[in-house]
Amino acid sequence: MGVLDNLKRFLGENLGKRVIVKADRGRKRVVTKRGTLDAVYPSLFVVEMAGSGDNNRKITFTYSDLLTSTVELTILDDELEAQPVY
């Protein structure tokens, strides 16, 4: 199994868990948001961002975003422990 297969499997095992997403938006802009790992597909994964009221947004990321460090994903097992993905 390659790195990509392990990454997909790991994310699939953590569906529904809370996550922190740190995304590099270019020009020294970094966005950090909290959400829930919503779905895992063959070429991308979906994070439902926490919003106020019914304003939850779903944002998709590719696995290459994680591998190239454009996006950092941290899975929160509970309030005290955080587990970085890659």
Protein backbone atom coordinates (compact mmCIF):
# COMPACT_ATOMS: atom_id res chain seq x y z
CA MET A 1 0.00 0.00 0.00
CA GLY A 2 1.21 3.46 -0.85
CA VAL A 3 1.07 6.69 1.10
CA LEU A 4 -2.07 7.80 -0.73
CA ASP A 5 -3.91 4.55 0.06
CA ASN A 6 -2.94 4.81 3.73
CA LEU A 7 -4.13 8.41 3.84
CA LYS A 8 -7.51 7.54 2.30
CA ARG A 9 -7.96 4.61 4.69
CA PHE A 10 -7.02 6.74 7.71
CA LEU A 11 -9.48 9.47 6.76
CA GLY A 12 -12.20 6.90 6.13
CA GLU A 13 -11.69 5.50 9.63
CA ASN A 14 -12.15 8.98 11.10
CA LEU A 15 -15.38 10.02 9.38
CA GLY A 16 -17.62 12.14 11.58
CA LYS A 17 -14.80 13.36 13.82
CA ARG A 18 -14.11 17.02 14.46
CA VAL A 19 -11.14 18.47 12.60
CA ILE A 20 -9.12 21.65 12.31
CA VAL A 21 -8.24 22.68 8.76
CA LYS A 22 -5.37 25.09 8.13
CA ALA A 23 -5.27 26.12 4.47
CA ASP A 24 -2.64 28.20 2.69
CA ARG A 25 -4.55 30.63 0.48
CA GLY A 26 -1.45 32.23 -1.06
CA ARG A 27 0.23 35.58 -0.50
CA LYS A 28 0.90 34.82 3.16
CA ARG A 29 -2.81 34.26 3.88
CA VAL A 30 -3.52 31.22 6.03
CA VAL A 31 -7.08 30.31 7.01
CA THR A 32 -7.80 28.11 10.03
CA LYS A 33 -11.29 26.67 10.52
CA ARG A 34 -12.97 23.97 12.60
CA GLY A 35 -15.36 21.44 11.14
CA THR A 36 -16.31 17.78 10.79
CA LEU A 37 -14.87 15.21 8.39
CA ASP A 38 -18.00 14.54 6.34
CA ALA A 39 -17.09 12.22 3.43
CA VAL A 40 -14.16 10.46 1.76
CA TYR A 41 -14.14 9.79 -1.98
CA PRO A 42 -11.51 8.27 -4.30
CA SER A 43 -10.02 11.63 -5.33
CA LEU A 44 -11.14 14.06 -2.60
CA PHE A 45 -12.57 14.44 0.89
CA VAL A 46 -15.24 16.75 2.31
CA VAL A 47 -15.14 18.83 5.49
CA GLU A 48 -18.32 20.43 6.81
CA MET A 49 -17.26 23.73 8.34
CA ALA A 50 -18.91 24.81 11.56
CA GLY A 51 -20.97 27.94 11.09
CA SER A 52 -23.48 29.92 13.04
CA GLY A 53 -27.00 28.56 12.76
CA ASP A 54 -27.79 26.79 9.49
CA ASN A 55 -24.85 28.34 7.65
CA ASN A 56 -22.67 25.21 7.61
CA ARG A 57 -20.59 24.96 4.45
CA LYS A 58 -19.04 21.89 2.91
CA ILE A 59 -15.60 22.33 1.41
CA THR A 60 -13.74 19.74 -0.63
CA PHE A 61 -10.00 19.11 -0.60
CA THR A 62 -7.86 16.75 -2.63
CA TYR A 63 -5.39 14.33 -1.12
CA SER A 64 -2.61 16.13 -2.96
CA ASP A 65 -3.49 19.24 -0.91
CA LEU A 66 -2.45 17.28 2.18
CA LEU A 67 0.60 15.71 0.56
CA THR A 68 1.93 19.07 -0.68
CA SER A 69 1.19 20.79 2.67
CA THR A 70 -1.19 23.27 1.04
CA VAL A 71 -3.72 22.06 3.62
CA GLU A 72 -2.99 20.77 7.11
CA LEU A 73 -5.68 18.62 8.71
CA THR A 74 -5.74 17.85 12.42
CA ILE A 75 -8.24 15.32 13.77
CA LEU A 76 -9.56 16.07 17.25
CA ASP A 77 -10.11 12.88 19.25
CA ASP A 78 -11.36 14.92 22.21
CA GLU A 79 -10.89 18.43 23.58
CA LEU A 80 -7.41 17.74 24.93
CA GLU A 81 -5.83 15.57 22.26
CA ALA A 82 -5.17 16.50 18.63
CA GLN A 83 -3.79 14.13 16.01
CA PRO A 84 -2.18 15.65 12.89
CA VAL A 85 -2.92 13.73 9.69
CA TYR A 86 0.13 14.39 7.53
